[in-house]
Amino acid sequence: MADLVTDSRFPDPDTAYRALIDAHRGLSEEESAQLNTQLVLILANHIGDQRVLEQAIALAREGLERAPSPAP
C-alpha cells in the first residue's frame, strides 16, 4: 500500500488551484458544498486505497483543528 503524497504533483499548482476556485464561481453555498462532496467522492474513488484515503482525512481534519475560528 502507498502512503499519502503531500508534495505537489502539478507542474503549475497555481493553475490547479484556480481551476478549483473557478469551478465554484456563480454557485450558491449549497451548490458549492454539493460540488465539493461530488469532487471528494470522485477523487476518493480514483485513489482507491483505503489507507491513503484515511491519511488524507486525518490530514484534512488536522487542518481544521489548526485553523482559526471565524469571528462572530
PDB file of N, CA and C in Angstrom:
ATOM      1  N   MET A   1       0.833  -1.177   0.000  1.00  0.00           N
ATOM      2  CA  MET A   1       0.000   0.000   0.000  1.00  0.00           C
ATOM      3  C   MET A   1       0.880   1.243   0.000  1.00  0.00           C
ATOM      4  N   ALA A   2       0.374   2.268  -0.613  1.00  0.00           N
ATOM      5  CA  ALA A   2       1.099   3.526  -0.717  1.00  0.00           C
ATOM      6  C   ALA A   2       0.780   4.427   0.470  1.00  0.00           C
ATOM      7  N   ASP A   3       1.615   5.442   0.618  1.00  0.00           N
ATOM      8  CA  ASP A   3       1.348   6.489   1.597  1.00  0.00           C
ATOM      9  C   ASP A   3       0.823   7.708   0.866  1.00  0.00           C
ATOM     10  N   LEU A   4       0.148   8.566   1.596  1.00  0.00           N
ATOM     11  CA  LEU A   4      -0.377   9.804   1.050  1.00  0.00           C
ATOM     12  C   LEU A   4       0.780  10.680   0.588  1.00  0.00           C
ATOM     13  N   VAL A   5       0.692  11.181  -0.629  1.00  0.00           N
ATOM     14  CA  VAL A   5       1.686  12.100  -1.166  1.00  0.00           C
ATOM     15  C   VAL A   5       1.170  13.513  -0.923  1.00  0.00           C
ATOM     16  N   THR A   6       1.956  14.314  -0.207  1.00  0.00           N
ATOM     17  CA  THR A   6       1.525  15.678   0.081  1.00  0.00           C
ATOM     18  C   THR A   6       2.323  16.719  -0.694  1.00  0.00           C
ATOM     19  N   ASP A   7       3.383  16.311  -1.361  1.00  0.00           N
ATOM     20  CA  ASP A   7       4.118  17.229  -2.224  1.00  0.00           C
ATOM     21  C   ASP A   7       3.298  17.463  -3.484  1.00  0.00           C
ATOM     22  N   SER A   8       3.360  18.677  -4.014  1.00  0.00           N
ATOM     23  CA  SER A   8       2.587  18.990  -5.219  1.00  0.00           C
ATOM     24  C   SER A   8       3.070  18.148  -6.389  1.00  0.00           C
ATOM     25  N   ARG A   9       2.135  17.598  -7.120  1.00  0.00           N
ATOM     26  CA  ARG A   9       2.431  16.836  -8.325  1.00  0.00           C
ATOM     27  C   ARG A   9       2.059  17.621  -9.571  1.00  0.00           C
ATOM     28  N   PHE A  10       1.597  18.838  -9.392  1.00  0.00           N
ATOM     29  CA  PHE A  10       1.177  19.664 -10.512  1.00  0.00           C
ATOM     30  C   PHE A  10       2.362  20.472 -11.037  1.00  0.00           C
ATOM     31  N   PRO A  11       2.536  20.504 -12.355  1.00  0.00           N
ATOM     32  CA  PRO A  11       3.610  21.331 -12.900  1.00  0.00           C
ATOM     33  C   PRO A  11       3.366  22.815 -12.614  1.00  0.00           C
ATOM     34  N   ASP A  12       2.103  23.201 -12.499  1.00  0.00           N
ATOM     35  CA  ASP A  12       1.735  24.579 -12.173  1.00  0.00           C
ATOM     36  C   ASP A  12       0.627  24.540 -11.128  1.00  0.00           C
ATOM     37  N   PRO A  13       0.994  24.488  -9.848  1.00  0.00           N
ATOM     38  CA  PRO A  13      -0.014  24.383  -8.789  1.00  0.00           C
ATOM     39  C   PRO A  13      -1.010  25.535  -8.789  1.00  0.00           C
ATOM     40  N   ASP A  14      -0.578  26.730  -9.175  1.00  0.00           N
ATOM     41  CA  ASP A  14      -1.491  27.868  -9.187  1.00  0.00           C
ATOM     42  C   ASP A  14      -2.628  27.663 -10.184  1.00  0.00           C
ATOM     43  N   THR A  15      -2.329  27.051 -11.328  1.00  0.00           N
ATOM     44  CA  THR A  15      -3.362  26.775 -12.318  1.00  0.00           C
ATOM     45  C   THR A  15      -4.360  25.753 -11.781  1.00  0.00           C
ATOM     46  N   ALA A  16      -3.874  24.742 -11.081  1.00  0.00           N
ATOM     47  CA  ALA A  16      -4.761  23.743 -10.478  1.00  0.00           C
ATOM     48  C   ALA A  16      -5.652  24.395  -9.421  1.00  0.00           C
ATOM     49  N   TYR A  17      -5.074  25.264  -8.606  1.00  0.00           N
ATOM     50  CA  TYR A  17      -5.845  25.965  -7.579  1.00  0.00           C
ATOM     51  C   TYR A  17      -6.917  26.840  -8.217  1.00  0.00           C
ATOM     52  N   ARG A  18      -6.537  27.568  -9.254  1.00  0.00           N
ATOM     53  CA  ARG A  18      -7.512  28.429  -9.946  1.00  0.00           C
ATOM     54  C   ARG A  18      -8.660  27.607 -10.533  1.00  0.00           C
ATOM     55  N   ALA A  19      -8.357  26.424 -11.063  1.00  0.00           N
ATOM     56  CA  ALA A  19      -9.413  25.571 -11.620  1.00  0.00           C
ATOM     57  C   ALA A  19     -10.423  25.186 -10.541  1.00  0.00           C
ATOM     58  N   LEU A  20      -9.925  24.890  -9.342  1.00  0.00           N
ATOM     59  CA  LEU A  20     -10.825  24.553  -8.238  1.00  0.00           C
ATOM     60  C   LEU A  20     -11.670  25.752  -7.831  1.00  0.00           C
ATOM     61  N   ILE A  21     -11.048  26.907  -7.744  1.00  0.00           N
ATOM     62  CA  ILE A  21     -11.782  28.122  -7.378  1.00  0.00           C
ATOM     63  C   ILE A  21     -12.802  28.469  -8.456  1.00  0.00           C
ATOM     64  N   ASP A  22     -12.387  28.422  -9.720  1.00  0.00           N
ATOM     65  CA  ASP A  22     -13.284  28.758 -10.835  1.00  0.00           C
ATOM     66  C   ASP A  22     -14.492  27.832 -10.907  1.00  0.00           C
ATOM     67  N   ALA A  23     -14.318  26.588 -10.491  1.00  0.00           N
ATOM     68  CA  ALA A  23     -15.432  25.636 -10.521  1.00  0.00           C
ATOM     69  C   ALA A  23     -16.573  26.069  -9.607  1.00  0.00           C
ATOM     70  N   HIS A  24     -16.270  26.907  -8.625  1.00  0.00           N
ATOM     71  CA  HIS A  24     -17.279  27.354  -7.654  1.00  0.00           C
ATOM     72  C   HIS A  24     -17.918  28.682  -8.025  1.00  0.00           C
ATOM     73  N   ARG A  25     -17.377  29.350  -9.012  1.00  0.00           N
ATOM     74  CA  ARG A  25     -17.908  30.671  -9.387  1.00  0.00           C
ATOM     75  C   ARG A  25     -19.376  30.563  -9.822  1.00  0.00           C
ATOM     76  N   GLY A  26     -20.192  31.456  -9.281  1.00  0.00           N
ATOM     77  CA  GLY A  26     -21.592  31.508  -9.647  1.00  0.00           C
ATOM     78  C   GLY A  26     -22.475  30.493  -8.941  1.00  0.00           C
ATOM     79  N   LEU A  27     -21.893  29.685  -8.066  1.00  0.00           N
ATOM     80  CA  LEU A  27     -22.682  28.684  -7.346  1.00  0.00           C
ATOM     81  C   LEU A  27     -23.134  29.240  -6.006  1.00  0.00           C
ATOM     82  N   SER A  28     -24.282  28.779  -5.568  1.00  0.00           N
ATOM     83  CA  SER A  28     -24.732  29.115  -4.217  1.00  0.00           C
ATOM     84  C   SER A  28     -23.869  28.334  -3.224  1.00  0.00           C
ATOM     85  N   GLU A  29     -23.997  28.657  -1.939  1.00  0.00           N
ATOM     86  CA  GLU A  29     -23.244  27.903  -0.920  1.00  0.00           C
ATOM     87  C   GLU A  29     -23.620  26.429  -0.957  1.00  0.00           C
ATOM     88  N   GLU A  30     -24.893  26.154  -1.132  1.00  0.00           N
ATOM     89  CA  GLU A  30     -25.355  24.759  -1.182  1.00  0.00           C
ATOM     90  C   GLU A  30     -24.786  24.044  -2.409  1.00  0.00           C
ATOM     91  N   GLU A  31     -24.830  24.696  -3.565  1.00  0.00           N
ATOM     92  CA  GLU A  31     -24.276  24.090  -4.787  1.00  0.00           C
ATOM     93  C   GLU A  31     -22.771  23.883  -4.655  1.00  0.00           C
ATOM     94  N   SER A  32     -22.087  24.839  -4.034  1.00  0.00           N
ATOM     95  CA  SER A  32     -20.653  24.724  -3.819  1.00  0.00           C
ATOM     96  C   SER A  32     -20.328  23.531  -2.920  1.00  0.00           C
ATOM     97  N   ALA A  33     -21.127  23.360  -1.862  1.00  0.00           N
ATOM     98  CA  ALA A  33     -20.937  22.212  -0.974  1.00  0.00           C
ATOM     99  C   ALA A  33     -21.197  20.903  -1.709  1.00  0.00           C
ATOM    100  N   GLN A  34     -22.221  20.887  -2.576  1.00  0.00           N
ATOM    101  CA  GLN A  34     -22.514  19.685  -3.366  1.00  0.00           C
ATOM    102  C   GLN A  34     -21.367  19.374  -4.333  1.00  0.00           C
ATOM    103  N   LEU A  35     -20.831  20.422  -4.962  1.00  0.00           N
ATOM    104  CA  LEU A  35     -19.687  20.230  -5.862  1.00  0.00           C
ATOM    105  C   LEU A  35     -18.513  19.630  -5.106  1.00  0.00           C
ATOM    106  N   ASN A  36     -18.221  20.184  -3.919  1.00  0.00           N
ATOM    107  CA  ASN A  36     -17.114  19.651  -3.116  1.00  0.00           C
ATOM    108  C   ASN A  36     -17.344  18.192  -2.746  1.00  0.00           C
ATOM    109  N   THR A  37     -18.561  17.866  -2.353  1.00  0.00           N
ATOM    110  CA  THR A  37     -18.877  16.489  -1.983  1.00  0.00           C
ATOM    111  C   THR A  37     -18.673  15.548  -3.161  1.00  0.00           C
ATOM    112  N   GLN A  38     -19.189  15.923  -4.317  1.00  0.00           N
ATOM    113  CA  GLN A  38     -19.042  15.087  -5.506  1.00  0.00           C
ATOM    114  C   GLN A  38     -17.573  14.950  -5.903  1.00  0.00           C
ATOM    115  N   LEU A  39     -16.833  16.049  -5.835  1.00  0.00           N
ATOM    116  CA  LEU A  39     -15.418  16.008  -6.187  1.00  0.00           C
ATOM    117  C   LEU A  39     -14.644  15.100  -5.233  1.00  0.00           C
ATOM    118  N   VAL A  40     -14.936  15.199  -3.947  1.00  0.00           N
ATOM    119  CA  VAL A  40     -14.255  14.344  -2.961  1.00  0.00           C
ATOM    120  C   VAL A  40     -14.543  12.874  -3.242  1.00  0.00           C
ATOM    121  N   LEU A  41     -15.793  12.545  -3.513  1.00  0.00           N
ATOM    122  CA  LEU A  41     -16.141  11.139  -3.775  1.00  0.00           C
ATOM    123  C   LEU A  41     -15.498  10.622  -5.059  1.00  0.00           C
ATOM    124  N   ILE A  42     -15.468  11.453  -6.083  1.00  0.00           N
ATOM    125  CA  ILE A  42     -14.833  11.061  -7.354  1.00  0.00           C
ATOM    126  C   ILE A  42     -13.347  10.815  -7.140  1.00  0.00           C
ATOM    127  N   LEU A  43     -12.676  11.743  -6.445  1.00  0.00           N
ATOM    128  CA  LEU A  43     -11.237  11.601  -6.232  1.00  0.00           C
ATOM    129  C   LEU A  43     -10.916  10.476  -5.255  1.00  0.00           C
ATOM    130  N   ALA A  44     -11.769  10.258  -4.251  1.00  0.00           N
ATOM    131  CA  ALA A  44     -11.554   9.135  -3.331  1.00  0.00           C
ATOM    132  C   ALA A  44     -11.638   7.818  -4.089  1.00  0.00           C
ATOM    133  N   ASN A  45     -12.588   7.722  -4.997  1.00  0.00           N
ATOM    134  CA  ASN A  45     -12.704   6.514  -5.811  1.00  0.00           C
ATOM    135  C   ASN A  45     -11.472   6.356  -6.702  1.00  0.00           C
ATOM    136  N   HIS A  46     -10.987   7.455  -7.239  1.00  0.00           N
ATOM    137  CA  HIS A  46      -9.791   7.402  -8.090  1.00  0.00           C
ATOM    138  C   HIS A  46      -8.583   6.910  -7.290  1.00  0.00           C
ATOM    139  N   ILE A  47      -8.461   7.369  -6.049  1.00  0.00           N
ATOM    140  CA  ILE A  47      -7.361   6.918  -5.190  1.00  0.00           C
ATOM    141  C   ILE A  47      -7.475   5.415  -4.981  1.00  0.00           C
ATOM    142  N   GLY A  48      -8.661   4.972  -4.601  1.00  0.00           N
ATOM    143  CA  GLY A  48      -8.929   3.543  -4.478  1.00  0.00           C
ATOM    144  C   GLY A  48      -8.114   2.815  -3.424  1.00  0.00           C
ATOM    145  N   ASP A  49      -7.561   3.532  -2.474  1.00  0.00           N
ATOM    146  CA  ASP A  49      -6.726   2.928  -1.435  1.00  0.00           C
ATOM    147  C   ASP A  49      -7.226   3.429  -0.085  1.00  0.00           C
ATOM    148  N   GLN A  50      -7.837   2.544   0.693  1.00  0.00           N
ATOM    149  CA  GLN A  50      -8.447   2.926   1.964  1.00  0.00           C
ATOM    150  C   GLN A  50      -7.452   3.593   2.895  1.00  0.00           C
ATOM    151  N   ARG A  51      -6.239   3.069   2.965  1.00  0.00           N
ATOM    152  CA  ARG A  51      -5.225   3.619   3.863  1.00  0.00           C
ATOM    153  C   ARG A  51      -4.872   5.050   3.477  1.00  0.00           C
ATOM    154  N   VAL A  52      -4.677   5.301   2.193  1.00  0.00           N
ATOM    155  CA  VAL A  52      -4.350   6.642   1.720  1.00  0.00           C
ATOM    156  C   VAL A  52      -5.520   7.582   1.976  1.00  0.00           C
ATOM    157  N   LEU A  53      -6.726   7.111   1.736  1.00  0.00           N
ATOM    158  CA  LEU A  53      -7.908   7.926   2.000  1.00  0.00           C
ATOM    159  C   LEU A  53      -7.979   8.314   3.475  1.00  0.00           C
ATOM    160  N   GLU A  54      -7.732   7.361   4.359  1.00  0.00           N
ATOM    161  CA  GLU A  54      -7.763   7.646   5.791  1.00  0.00           C
ATOM    162  C   GLU A  54      -6.668   8.632   6.184  1.00  0.00           C
ATOM    163  N   GLN A  55      -5.494   8.545   5.572  1.00  0.00           N
ATOM    164  CA  GLN A  55      -4.427   9.508   5.834  1.00  0.00           C
ATOM    165  C   GLN A  55      -4.853  10.906   5.384  1.00  0.00           C
ATOM    166  N   ALA A  56      -5.497  10.991   4.226  1.00  0.00           N
ATOM    167  CA  ALA A  56      -5.955  12.282   3.713  1.00  0.00           C
ATOM    168  C   ALA A  56      -7.024  12.881   4.625  1.00  0.00           C
ATOM    169  N   ILE A  57      -7.940  12.062   5.097  1.00  0.00           N
ATOM    170  CA  ILE A  57      -8.987  12.534   6.008  1.00  0.00           C
ATOM    171  C   ILE A  57      -8.354  13.068   7.289  1.00  0.00           C
ATOM    172  N   ALA A  58      -7.409  12.333   7.837  1.00  0.00           N
ATOM    173  CA  ALA A  58      -6.741  12.765   9.075  1.00  0.00           C
ATOM    174  C   ALA A  58      -6.010  14.092   8.861  1.00  0.00           C
ATOM    175  N   LEU A  59      -5.332  14.241   7.743  1.00  0.00           N
ATOM    176  CA  LEU A  59      -4.610  15.478   7.445  1.00  0.00           C
ATOM    177  C   LEU A  59      -5.576  16.647   7.297  1.00  0.00           C
ATOM    178  N   ALA A  60      -6.692  16.425   6.633  1.00  0.00           N
ATOM    179  CA  ALA A  60      -7.689  17.482   6.461  1.00  0.00           C
ATOM    180  C   ALA A  60      -8.294  17.887   7.809  1.00  0.00           C
ATOM    181  N   ARG A  61      -8.550  16.915   8.661  1.00  0.00           N
ATOM    182  CA  ARG A  61      -9.106  17.232   9.987  1.00  0.00           C
ATOM    183  C   ARG A  61      -8.096  17.997  10.828  1.00  0.00           C
ATOM    184  N   GLU A  62      -6.824  17.638  10.725  1.00  0.00           N
ATOM    185  CA  GLU A  62      -5.786  18.384  11.444  1.00  0.00           C
ATOM    186  C   GLU A  62      -5.788  19.841  10.996  1.00  0.00           C
ATOM    187  N   GLY A  63      -5.979  20.063   9.703  1.00  0.00           N
ATOM    188  CA  GLY A  63      -6.023  21.423   9.179  1.00  0.00           C
ATOM    189  C   GLY A  63      -7.175  22.208   9.762  1.00  0.00           C
ATOM    190  N   LEU A  64      -8.307  21.556   9.955  1.00  0.00           N
ATOM    191  CA  LEU A  64      -9.460  22.233  10.564  1.00  0.00           C
ATOM    192  C   LEU A  64      -9.176  22.603  12.010  1.00  0.00           C
ATOM    193  N   GLU A  65      -8.494  21.716  12.717  1.00  0.00           N
ATOM    194  CA  GLU A  65      -8.194  21.950  14.124  1.00  0.00           C
ATOM    195  C   GLU A  65      -7.195  23.100  14.292  1.00  0.00           C
ATOM    196  N   ARG A  66      -6.313  23.297  13.318  1.00  0.00           N
ATOM    197  CA  ARG A  66      -5.316  24.369  13.386  1.00  0.00           C
ATOM    198  C   ARG A  66      -5.860  25.697  12.903  1.00  0.00           C
ATOM    199  N   ALA A  67      -6.928  25.660  12.105  1.00  0.00           N
ATOM    200  CA  ALA A  67      -7.474  26.888  11.512  1.00  0.00           C
ATOM    201  C   ALA A  67      -8.144  27.739  12.590  1.00  0.00           C
ATOM    202  N   PRO A  68      -7.946  29.051  12.496  1.00  0.00           N
ATOM    203  CA  PRO A  68      -8.623  29.922  13.471  1.00  0.00           C
ATOM    204  C   PRO A  68     -10.130  29.890  13.273  1.00  0.00           C
ATOM    205  N   SER A  69     -10.854  30.041  14.369  1.00  0.00           N
ATOM    206  CA  SER A  69     -12.321  30.078  14.295  1.00  0.00           C
ATOM    207  C   SER A  69     -12.755  31.393  13.671  1.00  0.00           C
ATOM    208  N   PRO A  70     -13.805  31.347  12.830  1.00  0.00           N
ATOM    209  CA  PRO A  70     -14.294  32.606  12.248  1.00  0.00           C
ATOM    210  C   PRO A  70     -14.869  33.523  13.309  1.00  0.00           C
ATOM    211  N   ALA A  71     -14.712  34.813  13.088  1.00  0.00           N
ATOM    212  CA  ALA A  71     -15.249  35.801  14.031  1.00  0.00           C
ATOM    213  C   ALA A  71     -16.760  35.799  13.964  1.00  0.00           C
ATOM    214  N   PRO A  72     -17.431  36.002  15.119  1.00  0.00           N
ATOM    215  CA  PRO A  72     -18.909  36.014  15.116  1.00  0.00           C
ATOM    216  C   PRO A  72     -19.479  37.204  14.390  1.00  0.00           C
TER     217      PRO A  72
END
